[in-house]
């Protein structure tokens, strides 16, 4: 492609993934100084750092959103819990994140579905609908988006959402009453759901509002196995330049190259033990630039 990727996407990164060892303010400052990035995703629960973060966001002209995935996972919270009190605990954390996003001037929040069991799958689905509708209705009053990230359902996170057909059904059910709801598709999760980029993007096309890209290891017992988001080129991993190029090509075919209303496209890659965060981030940029350069011009 001769045109820069910034014409069609707000290229971003996840603060907690890119710099897991740094405080959010330090990590955001490093990201904000890099003109490669137009967007950033911040982990919920910023507390006393919020004022400094808001100032950095304002000065740097970064688009932002709040990711509640780390908080839910760390606390073992499940928005589709069968036990109502447990579901409400997750709902409370999500509502708090909406308030946090509004205070920061962020565009919305992102989260993931909780674990599930086959015998209670239908009830878990109903519980997730209940939680998400409540969050969407609350966020709508603040003019914020609510996005659910699609995760694996039987490898690592074992989230209800889940396989692409079920994600499409869920999004369709939500969109009937919640126009501010959308899905996040992550290239690094697609191999873990035993699907292909073409199948996932085509199946979820009407509901995708946000994109991630990264890598995965599918061989049990190997370092980085599961949902660990290793760098591109990591041993035994499955995604690299040509897989990312195909992902971008399918996104173009399906109408996601929108110069007037660009989607966030964030790199979800994190250093593995013994690796340096700045080097991993720089390598990810190189992979994205190379994949972009291989796309044929229209």
C-alpha atoms as a PDB file:
ATOM      1  CA  UNK A   1       0.000   0.000   0.000  1.00  0.00           C
ATOM      2  CA  UNK A   2       1.327   3.405  -0.945  1.00  0.00           C
ATOM      3  CA  UNK A   3      -1.014   5.192   1.444  1.00  0.00           C
ATOM      4  CA  UNK A   4      -0.057   5.203   5.141  1.00  0.00           C
ATOM      5  CA  UNK A   5      -1.920   2.913   7.502  1.00  0.00           C
ATOM      6  CA  UNK A   6      -2.851   5.974   9.559  1.00  0.00           C
ATOM      7  CA  UNK A   7      -5.313   6.960   6.826  1.00  0.00           C
ATOM      8  CA  UNK A   8      -7.490   3.927   7.540  1.00  0.00           C
ATOM      9  CA  UNK A   9      -6.787   2.957  11.152  1.00  0.00           C
ATOM     10  CA  UNK A  10      -5.993   4.519  14.503  1.00  0.00           C
ATOM     11  CA  UNK A  11      -2.987   2.351  15.293  1.00  0.00           C
ATOM     12  CA  UNK A  12      -2.755   1.737  19.014  1.00  0.00           C
ATOM     13  CA  UNK A  13      -1.374  -0.460  21.731  1.00  0.00           C
ATOM     14  CA  UNK A  14      -2.438  -1.815  25.112  1.00  0.00           C
ATOM     15  CA  UNK A  15      -0.659  -0.053  27.959  1.00  0.00           C
ATOM     16  CA  UNK A  16      -0.686  -3.074  30.269  1.00  0.00           C
ATOM     17  CA  UNK A  17       0.560  -5.408  27.525  1.00  0.00           C
ATOM     18  CA  UNK A  18       3.283  -3.194  26.071  1.00  0.00           C
ATOM     19  CA  UNK A  19       4.796  -2.190  29.417  1.00  0.00           C
ATOM     20  CA  UNK A  20       3.654  -4.669  32.082  1.00  0.00           C
ATOM     21  CA  UNK A  21       6.414  -3.660  34.498  1.00  0.00           C
ATOM     22  CA  UNK A  22       5.684   0.078  34.438  1.00  0.00           C
ATOM     23  CA  UNK A  23       3.117   2.140  36.273  1.00  0.00           C
ATOM     24  CA  UNK A  24       0.320   3.287  33.933  1.00  0.00           C
ATOM     25  CA  UNK A  25       1.509   6.919  33.889  1.00  0.00           C
ATOM     26  CA  UNK A  26       5.037   5.892  32.924  1.00  0.00           C
ATOM     27  CA  UNK A  27       3.802   3.493  30.262  1.00  0.00           C
ATOM     28  CA  UNK A  28       1.355   6.004  28.806  1.00  0.00           C
ATOM     29  CA  UNK A  29       4.039   8.693  28.677  1.00  0.00           C
ATOM     30  CA  UNK A  30       6.301   6.449  26.597  1.00  0.00           C
ATOM     31  CA  UNK A  31       3.431   5.560  24.254  1.00  0.00           C
ATOM     32  CA  UNK A  32       2.251   9.161  23.945  1.00  0.00           C
ATOM     33  CA  UNK A  33       5.715  10.341  22.876  1.00  0.00           C
ATOM     34  CA  UNK A  34       5.652   7.938  19.921  1.00  0.00           C
ATOM     35  CA  UNK A  35       3.861   9.440  16.887  1.00  0.00           C
ATOM     36  CA  UNK A  36       3.408   5.923  15.480  1.00  0.00           C
ATOM     37  CA  UNK A  37       0.448   5.583  17.849  1.00  0.00           C
ATOM     38  CA  UNK A  38      -2.897   7.329  17.501  1.00  0.00           C
ATOM     39  CA  UNK A  39      -4.724   5.276  20.164  1.00  0.00           C
ATOM     40  CA  UNK A  40      -4.068   3.663  23.507  1.00  0.00           C
ATOM     41  CA  UNK A  41      -5.979   1.205  25.670  1.00  0.00           C
ATOM     42  CA  UNK A  42      -5.609   1.694  29.416  1.00  0.00           C
ATOM     43  CA  UNK A  43      -6.274  -0.856  32.132  1.00  0.00           C
ATOM     44  CA  UNK A  44      -9.192   0.003  34.416  1.00  0.00           C
ATOM     45  CA  UNK A  45      -8.502   1.013  38.006  1.00  0.00           C
ATOM     46  CA  UNK A  46      -6.150   3.960  37.496  1.00  0.00           C
ATOM     47  CA  UNK A  47      -7.060   5.591  40.812  1.00  0.00           C
ATOM     48  CA  UNK A  48      -4.809   8.459  41.863  1.00  0.00           C
ATOM     49  CA  UNK A  49      -3.019   8.417  38.510  1.00  0.00           C
ATOM     50  CA  UNK A  50      -6.166   9.446  36.633  1.00  0.00           C
ATOM     51  CA  UNK A  51      -5.514  13.185  36.648  1.00  0.00           C
ATOM     52  CA  UNK A  52      -2.003  12.803  35.203  1.00  0.00           C
ATOM     53  CA  UNK A  53      -3.267  10.324  32.633  1.00  0.00           C
ATOM     54  CA  UNK A  54      -6.053  12.652  31.538  1.00  0.00           C
ATOM     55  CA  UNK A  55      -3.486  15.428  31.083  1.00  0.00           C
ATOM     56  CA  UNK A  56      -1.195  13.215  28.967  1.00  0.00           C
ATOM     57  CA  UNK A  57      -4.104  12.079  26.815  1.00  0.00           C
ATOM     58  CA  UNK A  58      -5.246  15.643  26.206  1.00  0.00           C
ATOM     59  CA  UNK A  59      -1.788  16.938  25.296  1.00  0.00           C
ATOM     60  CA  UNK A  60      -0.864  14.017  23.043  1.00  0.00           C
ATOM     61  CA  UNK A  61      -4.102  13.872  21.007  1.00  0.00           C
ATOM     62  CA  UNK A  62      -4.433  10.133  21.646  1.00  0.00           C
ATOM     63  CA  UNK A  63      -7.754   8.353  21.277  1.00  0.00           C
ATOM     64  CA  UNK A  64      -8.284   6.151  24.328  1.00  0.00           C
ATOM     65  CA  UNK A  65     -10.492   3.495  25.832  1.00  0.00           C
ATOM     66  CA  UNK A  66     -10.538   1.561  29.094  1.00  0.00           C
ATOM     67  CA  UNK A  67      -9.844  -2.170  29.127  1.00  0.00           C
ATOM     68  CA  UNK A  68     -11.553  -3.994  31.988  1.00  0.00           C
ATOM     69  CA  UNK A  69     -10.197  -7.400  30.949  1.00  0.00           C
ATOM     70  CA  UNK A  70      -7.222  -7.351  33.372  1.00  0.00           C
ATOM     71  CA  UNK A  71      -9.353  -6.327  36.341  1.00  0.00           C
ATOM     72  CA  UNK A  72     -11.968  -9.012  35.714  1.00  0.00           C
ATOM     73  CA  UNK A  73      -9.315 -11.691  35.282  1.00  0.00           C
ATOM     74  CA  UNK A  74      -7.228 -10.647  38.280  1.00  0.00           C
ATOM     75  CA  UNK A  75     -10.267 -10.668  40.565  1.00  0.00           C
ATOM     76  CA  UNK A  76     -11.812 -13.793  39.080  1.00  0.00           C
ATOM     77  CA  UNK A  77     -14.995 -11.897  38.223  1.00  0.00           C
ATOM     78  CA  UNK A  78     -17.485 -13.373  35.797  1.00  0.00           C
ATOM     79  CA  UNK A  79     -20.113 -11.225  34.035  1.00  0.00           C
ATOM     80  CA  UNK A  80     -21.996 -14.376  33.063  1.00  0.00           C
ATOM     81  CA  UNK A  81     -21.843 -16.059  36.473  1.00  0.00           C
ATOM     82  CA  UNK A  82     -24.861 -18.225  37.232  1.00  0.00           C
ATOM     83  CA  UNK A  83     -24.841 -17.122  40.870  1.00  0.00           C
ATOM     84  CA  UNK A  84     -26.543 -13.707  40.763  1.00  0.00           C
ATOM     85  CA  UNK A  85     -24.419 -12.092  43.472  1.00  0.00           C
ATOM     86  CA  UNK A  86     -21.246 -13.041  41.568  1.00  0.00           C
ATOM     87  CA  UNK A  87     -22.670 -11.651  38.333  1.00  0.00           C
ATOM     88  CA  UNK A  88     -23.498  -8.398  40.104  1.00  0.00           C
ATOM     89  CA  UNK A  89     -19.938  -8.088  41.411  1.00  0.00           C
ATOM     90  CA  UNK A  90     -18.665  -8.154  37.837  1.00  0.00           C
ATOM     91  CA  UNK A  91     -21.389  -5.731  36.759  1.00  0.00           C
ATOM     92  CA  UNK A  92     -20.358  -3.271  39.475  1.00  0.00           C
ATOM     93  CA  UNK A  93     -16.740  -3.283  38.290  1.00  0.00           C
ATOM     94  CA  UNK A  94     -17.890  -2.664  34.712  1.00  0.00           C
ATOM     95  CA  UNK A  95     -20.117   0.236  35.777  1.00  0.00           C
ATOM     96  CA  UNK A  96     -17.194   1.746  37.672  1.00  0.00           C
ATOM     97  CA  UNK A  97     -15.082   1.440  34.519  1.00  0.00           C
ATOM     98  CA  UNK A  98     -17.711   3.371  32.538  1.00  0.00           C
ATOM     99  CA  UNK A  99     -17.444   6.202  35.064  1.00  0.00           C
ATOM    100  CA  UNK A 100     -13.659   6.062  34.824  1.00  0.00           C
ATOM    101  CA  UNK A 101     -13.758   6.223  31.020  1.00  0.00           C
ATOM    102  CA  UNK A 102     -16.082   9.213  31.141  1.00  0.00           C
ATOM    103  CA  UNK A 103     -13.817  11.026  33.609  1.00  0.00           C
ATOM    104  CA  UNK A 104     -10.768  10.457  31.400  1.00  0.00           C
ATOM    105  CA  UNK A 105     -12.492  11.508  28.201  1.00  0.00           C
ATOM    106  CA  UNK A 106     -12.078   7.995  26.793  1.00  0.00           C
ATOM    107  CA  UNK A 107     -14.351   6.596  24.102  1.00  0.00           C
ATOM    108  CA  UNK A 108     -15.652   3.607  26.033  1.00  0.00           C
ATOM    109  CA  UNK A 109     -14.792   0.353  27.759  1.00  0.00           C
ATOM    110  CA  UNK A 110     -13.865  -3.158  26.661  1.00  0.00           C
ATOM    111  CA  UNK A 111     -14.299  -6.415  28.568  1.00  0.00           C
ATOM    112  CA  UNK A 112     -14.515 -10.182  28.096  1.00  0.00           C
ATOM    113  CA  UNK A 113     -17.056 -12.854  28.891  1.00  0.00           C
ATOM    114  CA  UNK A 114     -16.438 -15.158  31.834  1.00  0.00           C
ATOM    115  CA  UNK A 115     -15.855 -18.884  32.012  1.00  0.00           C
ATOM    116  CA  UNK A 116     -18.716 -21.270  31.330  1.00  0.00           C
ATOM    117  CA  UNK A 117     -19.777 -24.895  31.660  1.00  0.00           C
ATOM    118  CA  UNK A 118     -21.604 -26.898  29.017  1.00  0.00           C
ATOM    119  CA  UNK A 119     -24.506 -27.833  31.288  1.00  0.00           C
ATOM    120  CA  UNK A 120     -25.261 -24.173  32.125  1.00  0.00           C
ATOM    121  CA  UNK A 121     -24.268 -22.577  28.822  1.00  0.00           C
ATOM    122  CA  UNK A 122     -27.723 -21.229  27.975  1.00  0.00           C
ATOM    123  CA  UNK A 123     -28.176 -19.696  31.405  1.00  0.00           C
ATOM    124  CA  UNK A 124     -24.687 -18.185  31.265  1.00  0.00           C
ATOM    125  CA  UNK A 125     -25.582 -16.625  27.921  1.00  0.00           C
ATOM    126  CA  UNK A 126     -28.686 -15.036  29.452  1.00  0.00           C
ATOM    127  CA  UNK A 127     -26.654 -13.753  32.395  1.00  0.00           C
ATOM    128  CA  UNK A 128     -24.112 -12.166  30.045  1.00  0.00           C
ATOM    129  CA  UNK A 129     -26.923 -10.488  28.119  1.00  0.00           C
ATOM    130  CA  UNK A 130     -28.294  -9.098  31.387  1.00  0.00           C
ATOM    131  CA  UNK A 131     -24.920  -7.694  32.431  1.00  0.00           C
ATOM    132  CA  UNK A 132     -24.061  -6.251  29.039  1.00  0.00           C
ATOM    133  CA  UNK A 133     -27.455  -4.580  28.531  1.00  0.00           C
ATOM    134  CA  UNK A 134     -27.121  -2.855  31.893  1.00  0.00           C
ATOM    135  CA  UNK A 135     -23.615  -1.638  31.052  1.00  0.00           C
ATOM    136  CA  UNK A 136     -24.612  -0.479  27.564  1.00  0.00           C
ATOM    137  CA  UNK A 137     -27.638   1.443  28.834  1.00  0.00           C
ATOM    138  CA  UNK A 138     -25.518   3.160  31.492  1.00  0.00           C
ATOM    139  CA  UNK A 139     -22.705   3.933  29.039  1.00  0.00           C
ATOM    140  CA  UNK A 140     -25.177   5.281  26.488  1.00  0.00           C
ATOM    141  CA  UNK A 141     -26.164   8.058  28.881  1.00  0.00           C
ATOM    142  CA  UNK A 142     -22.497   9.126  28.841  1.00  0.00           C
ATOM    143  CA  UNK A 143     -22.207   8.661  25.065  1.00  0.00           C
ATOM    144  CA  UNK A 144     -19.670   5.847  25.452  1.00  0.00           C
ATOM    145  CA  UNK A 145     -19.174   2.574  23.613  1.00  0.00           C
ATOM    146  CA  UNK A 146     -19.154  -0.885  25.176  1.00  0.00           C
ATOM    147  CA  UNK A 147     -17.086  -3.542  23.405  1.00  0.00           C
ATOM    148  CA  UNK A 148     -16.757  -7.253  24.108  1.00  0.00           C
ATOM    149  CA  UNK A 149     -13.495  -8.880  23.063  1.00  0.00           C
ATOM    150  CA  UNK A 150     -13.775 -12.333  21.503  1.00  0.00           C
ATOM    151  CA  UNK A 151     -11.563 -14.849  23.354  1.00  0.00           C
ATOM    152  CA  UNK A 152     -10.866 -18.577  23.155  1.00  0.00           C
ATOM    153  CA  UNK A 153     -13.489 -20.921  24.565  1.00  0.00           C
ATOM    154  CA  UNK A 154     -11.542 -24.131  25.259  1.00  0.00           C
ATOM    155  CA  UNK A 155      -7.790 -23.414  25.454  1.00  0.00           C
ATOM    156  CA  UNK A 156      -6.797 -20.731  27.960  1.00  0.00           C
ATOM    157  CA  UNK A 157      -9.355 -18.102  29.011  1.00  0.00           C
ATOM    158  CA  UNK A 158     -12.221 -20.491  28.103  1.00  0.00           C
ATOM    159  CA  UNK A 159     -14.648 -17.599  27.737  1.00  0.00           C
ATOM    160  CA  UNK A 160     -18.268 -18.016  26.747  1.00  0.00           C
ATOM    161  CA  UNK A 161     -17.686 -15.603  23.828  1.00  0.00           C
ATOM    162  CA  UNK A 162     -16.155 -17.528  22.265  1.00  0.00           C
ATOM    163  CA  UNK A 163     -16.652 -19.012  18.815  1.00  0.00           C
ATOM    164  CA  UNK A 164     -17.538 -16.529  16.066  1.00  0.00           C
ATOM    165  CA  UNK A 165     -21.084 -17.826  15.392  1.00  0.00           C
ATOM    166  CA  UNK A 166     -22.010 -17.461  19.070  1.00  0.00           C
ATOM    167  CA  UNK A 167     -20.365 -14.022  19.196  1.00  0.00           C
ATOM    168  CA  UNK A 168     -22.461 -12.971  16.185  1.00  0.00           C
ATOM    169  CA  UNK A 169     -25.644 -14.212  17.832  1.00  0.00           C
ATOM    170  CA  UNK A 170     -24.785 -12.389  21.046  1.00  0.00           C
ATOM    171  CA  UNK A 171     -23.984  -9.127  19.254  1.00  0.00           C
ATOM    172  CA  UNK A 172     -27.195  -9.359  17.244  1.00  0.00           C
ATOM    173  CA  UNK A 173     -29.209  -9.835  20.437  1.00  0.00           C
ATOM    174  CA  UNK A 174     -27.525  -6.774  21.992  1.00  0.00           C
ATOM    175  CA  UNK A 175     -27.758  -4.521  18.967  1.00  0.00           C
ATOM    176  CA  UNK A 176     -31.557  -4.844  18.933  1.00  0.00           C
ATOM    177  CA  UNK A 177     -31.628  -2.598  21.997  1.00  0.00           C
ATOM    178  CA  UNK A 178     -28.061  -1.264  22.423  1.00  0.00           C
ATOM    179  CA  UNK A 179     -26.628   0.651  19.485  1.00  0.00           C
ATOM    180  CA  UNK A 180     -23.428   1.444  21.384  1.00  0.00           C
ATOM    181  CA  UNK A 181     -22.346  -2.213  21.585  1.00  0.00           C
ATOM    182  CA  UNK A 182     -19.648  -3.791  19.416  1.00  0.00           C
ATOM    183  CA  UNK A 183     -17.128  -6.616  19.229  1.00  0.00           C
ATOM    184  CA  UNK A 184     -13.328  -6.620  19.331  1.00  0.00           C
ATOM    185  CA  UNK A 185     -11.640  -9.179  17.072  1.00  0.00           C
ATOM    186  CA  UNK A 186      -8.031 -10.098  17.877  1.00  0.00           C
ATOM    187  CA  UNK A 187      -5.808 -11.877  15.346  1.00  0.00           C
ATOM    188  CA  UNK A 188      -3.941 -13.591  18.189  1.00  0.00           C
ATOM    189  CA  UNK A 189      -7.160 -15.230  19.412  1.00  0.00           C
ATOM    190  CA  UNK A 190      -8.287 -16.561  16.037  1.00  0.00           C
ATOM    191  CA  UNK A 191      -5.939 -19.597  16.042  1.00  0.00           C
ATOM    192  CA  UNK A 192      -7.054 -20.337  19.613  1.00  0.00           C
ATOM    193  CA  UNK A 193     -10.715 -20.510  18.524  1.00  0.00           C
ATOM    194  CA  UNK A 194      -9.798 -22.988  15.748  1.00  0.00           C
ATOM    195  CA  UNK A 195     -11.125 -20.565  13.128  1.00  0.00           C
ATOM    196  CA  UNK A 196      -9.661 -18.477  10.285  1.00  0.00           C
ATOM    197  CA  UNK A 197      -9.422 -14.725   9.823  1.00  0.00           C
ATOM    198  CA  UNK A 198     -11.716 -14.861   6.818  1.00  0.00           C
ATOM    199  CA  UNK A 199     -14.388 -16.845   8.673  1.00  0.00           C
ATOM    200  CA  UNK A 200     -14.244 -14.690  11.810  1.00  0.00           C
ATOM    201  CA  UNK A 201     -14.274 -11.329  10.047  1.00  0.00           C
ATOM    202  CA  UNK A 202     -17.037 -12.306   7.624  1.00  0.00           C
ATOM    203  CA  UNK A 203     -19.151 -13.837  10.383  1.00  0.00           C
ATOM    204  CA  UNK A 204     -18.777 -10.868  12.729  1.00  0.00           C
ATOM    205  CA  UNK A 205     -18.531  -8.091  10.164  1.00  0.00           C
ATOM    206  CA  UNK A 206     -21.709  -6.136  11.115  1.00  0.00           C
ATOM    207  CA  UNK A 207     -20.665  -5.991  14.752  1.00  0.00           C
ATOM    208  CA  UNK A 208     -16.890  -5.359  14.692  1.00  0.00           C
ATOM    209  CA  UNK A 209     -16.027  -1.919  16.069  1.00  0.00           C
ATOM    210  CA  UNK A 210     -12.429  -2.466  17.216  1.00  0.00           C
ATOM    211  CA  UNK A 211      -9.473  -4.635  16.174  1.00  0.00           C
ATOM    212  CA  UNK A 212      -6.401  -6.163  17.791  1.00  0.00           C
ATOM    213  CA  UNK A 213      -3.500  -8.076  16.272  1.00  0.00           C
ATOM    214  CA  UNK A 214      -0.869 -10.304  17.813  1.00  0.00           C
ATOM    215  CA  UNK A 215       0.600 -13.778  17.932  1.00  0.00           C
ATOM    216  CA  UNK A 216      -0.040 -17.143  19.589  1.00  0.00           C
ATOM    217  CA  UNK A 217       1.609 -20.479  20.361  1.00  0.00           C
ATOM    218  CA  UNK A 218      -0.642 -23.498  19.824  1.00  0.00           C
ATOM    219  CA  UNK A 219       1.708 -26.292  20.909  1.00  0.00           C
ATOM    220  CA  UNK A 220       0.966 -27.454  24.476  1.00  0.00           C
ATOM    221  CA  UNK A 221       4.004 -27.426  26.715  1.00  0.00           C
ATOM    222  CA  UNK A 222       5.915 -24.868  24.659  1.00  0.00           C
ATOM    223  CA  UNK A 223       6.762 -21.429  26.129  1.00  0.00           C
ATOM    224  CA  UNK A 224       4.031 -18.907  25.358  1.00  0.00           C
ATOM    225  CA  UNK A 225       1.332 -21.550  24.856  1.00  0.00           C
ATOM    226  CA  UNK A 226      -2.226 -20.276  25.112  1.00  0.00           C
ATOM    227  CA  UNK A 227      -3.331 -16.661  25.381  1.00  0.00           C
ATOM    228  CA  UNK A 228       0.092 -15.217  26.259  1.00  0.00           C
ATOM    229  CA  UNK A 229       0.465 -12.753  23.328  1.00  0.00           C
ATOM    230  CA  UNK A 230       4.132 -13.416  22.489  1.00  0.00           C
ATOM    231  CA  UNK A 231       5.994 -11.250  20.000  1.00  0.00           C
ATOM    232  CA  UNK A 232       5.950 -12.003  16.304  1.00  0.00           C
ATOM    233  CA  UNK A 233       8.688 -14.465  15.462  1.00  0.00           C
ATOM    234  CA  UNK A 234       8.456 -16.178  18.854  1.00  0.00           C
ATOM    235  CA  UNK A 235       9.464 -19.885  18.743  1.00  0.00           C
ATOM    236  CA  UNK A 236       6.640 -22.254  17.748  1.00  0.00           C
ATOM    237  CA  UNK A 237       4.214 -19.357  17.175  1.00  0.00           C
ATOM    238  CA  UNK A 238       1.748 -19.263  14.280  1.00  0.00           C
ATOM    239  CA  UNK A 239       1.310 -15.608  13.237  1.00  0.00           C
ATOM    240  CA  UNK A 240       3.838 -13.458  11.416  1.00  0.00           C
ATOM    241  CA  UNK A 241       4.066 -10.978   8.539  1.00  0.00           C
ATOM    242  CA  UNK A 242       2.084 -12.923   5.950  1.00  0.00           C
ATOM    243  CA  UNK A 243      -0.686 -13.906   8.381  1.00  0.00           C
ATOM    244  CA  UNK A 244      -1.050 -10.266   9.417  1.00  0.00           C
ATOM    245  CA  UNK A 245      -1.034  -9.216   5.763  1.00  0.00           C
ATOM    246  CA  UNK A 246      -3.891 -11.656   5.076  1.00  0.00           C
ATOM    247  CA  UNK A 247      -5.803 -10.279   8.095  1.00  0.00           C
ATOM    248  CA  UNK A 248      -5.436  -6.743   6.735  1.00  0.00           C
ATOM    249  CA  UNK A 249      -6.394  -7.860   3.235  1.00  0.00           C
ATOM    250  CA  UNK A 250      -9.608  -9.459   4.497  1.00  0.00           C
ATOM    251  CA  UNK A 251     -10.401  -6.337   6.497  1.00  0.00           C
ATOM    252  CA  UNK A 252     -10.069  -4.312   3.311  1.00  0.00           C
ATOM    253  CA  UNK A 253     -12.271  -6.742   1.366  1.00  0.00           C
ATOM    254  CA  UNK A 254     -14.927  -6.500   4.059  1.00  0.00           C
ATOM    255  CA  UNK A 255     -14.981  -2.690   4.068  1.00  0.00           C
ATOM    256  CA  UNK A 256     -12.957  -1.792   7.151  1.00  0.00           C
ATOM    257  CA  UNK A 257     -10.589   0.640   5.425  1.00  0.00           C
ATOM    258  CA  UNK A 258     -12.547   3.767   6.367  1.00  0.00           C
ATOM    259  CA  UNK A 259     -10.645   7.027   6.122  1.00  0.00           C
ATOM    260  CA  UNK A 260     -13.523   9.110   7.491  1.00  0.00           C
ATOM    261  CA  UNK A 261     -14.241   6.912  10.502  1.00  0.00           C
ATOM    262  CA  UNK A 262     -11.137   4.813  11.182  1.00  0.00           C
ATOM    263  CA  UNK A 263     -11.266   1.813  13.493  1.00  0.00           C
ATOM    264  CA  UNK A 264      -8.771   1.326  16.312  1.00  0.00           C
ATOM    265  CA  UNK A 265      -6.204  -1.334  15.378  1.00  0.00           C
ATOM    266  CA  UNK A 266      -4.131  -2.135  18.463  1.00  0.00           C
ATOM    267  CA  UNK A 267      -1.113  -4.383  18.849  1.00  0.00           C
ATOM    268  CA  UNK A 268      -1.685  -6.865  21.654  1.00  0.00           C
ATOM    269  CA  UNK A 269       1.818  -8.179  22.179  1.00  0.00           C
ATOM    270  CA  UNK A 270       3.726  -8.435  25.465  1.00  0.00           C
ATOM    271  CA  UNK A 271       7.324  -9.321  26.400  1.00  0.00           C
ATOM    272  CA  UNK A 272       7.902 -12.875  27.563  1.00  0.00           C
ATOM    273  CA  UNK A 273      10.351 -13.711  30.385  1.00  0.00           C
ATOM    274  CA  UNK A 274      13.796 -12.298  29.638  1.00  0.00           C
ATOM    275  CA  UNK A 275      12.567  -9.992  26.862  1.00  0.00           C
ATOM    276  CA  UNK A 276      12.724  -6.186  26.694  1.00  0.00           C
ATOM    277  CA  UNK A 277       9.480  -4.281  26.259  1.00  0.00           C
ATOM    278  CA  UNK A 278      10.857  -1.569  23.962  1.00  0.00           C
ATOM    279  CA  UNK A 279      12.402  -4.133  21.624  1.00  0.00           C
ATOM    280  CA  UNK A 280       9.201  -6.187  21.439  1.00  0.00           C
ATOM    281  CA  UNK A 281       7.170  -3.065  20.677  1.00  0.00           C
ATOM    282  CA  UNK A 282       9.630  -1.958  17.999  1.00  0.00           C
ATOM    283  CA  UNK A 283       9.555  -5.419  16.423  1.00  0.00           C
ATOM    284  CA  UNK A 284       5.760  -5.371  16.328  1.00  0.00           C
ATOM    285  CA  UNK A 285       5.796  -2.043  14.491  1.00  0.00           C
ATOM    286  CA  UNK A 286       8.198  -3.496  11.916  1.00  0.00           C
ATOM    287  CA  UNK A 287       5.922  -6.490  11.338  1.00  0.00           C
ATOM    288  CA  UNK A 288       2.903  -4.213  10.884  1.00  0.00           C
ATOM    289  CA  UNK A 289       4.773  -1.913   8.489  1.00  0.00           C
ATOM    290  CA  UNK A 290       6.025  -4.850   6.439  1.00  0.00           C
ATOM    291  CA  UNK A 291       2.575  -6.479   6.272  1.00  0.00           C
ATOM    292  CA  UNK A 292       1.065  -3.159   5.227  1.00  0.00           C
ATOM    293  CA  UNK A 293       3.690  -2.660   2.508  1.00  0.00           C
ATOM    294  CA  UNK A 294       2.793  -6.053   1.013  1.00  0.00           C
ATOM    295  CA  UNK A 295      -0.864  -5.148   0.499  1.00  0.00           C
ATOM    296  CA  UNK A 296      -1.509  -4.469  -3.199  1.00  0.00           C
ATOM    297  CA  UNK A 297      -2.775  -1.027  -4.118  1.00  0.00           C
ATOM    298  CA  UNK A 298      -6.418  -0.797  -5.102  1.00  0.00           C
END
